[in-house]
Amino acid sequence: MIFRITTATSLLLAATGAFAAPTKAKPVSAVIITNARDIPATDVAIGVNGQTVRLAKPLAPKAKTTLRLPKMTGCMVAVAATFEDESTAEFPELDVCQDGTVRFTD
């Protein structure tokens, strides 16, 4: 009888802990990059865990593309873009698990 009570209590505590535990965000493998500006982006770079990935060619105005990321352990990336008019956009800490889209606007 005591064994049954102990087992039932252990299972209830384990189930309660499982439901209360916060879920960890799963790192993404790619981000969608949208250039909503009227000017082409000549260089787009994303820094992930000490590695940098870049778009292979300029991103035209009003265009979007998908950029594959290297294997990530977290969700934070750094994004930098340079445009044809020599303006820049920088996002030093972007959580791509929360939103996997990078959008450049005027």
Foldseek 3Di string as FASTA:
>chain_A
DVVVVVVVVVVVVVVVVVVPDDDAQDEDFKAKEFEQEQWKWQWKWKAAPNDIDIDPGIHHHRGMDMDTDDDHPAFWMKMKIATPVRDIDIDGTDGCSVPRYHYHDD
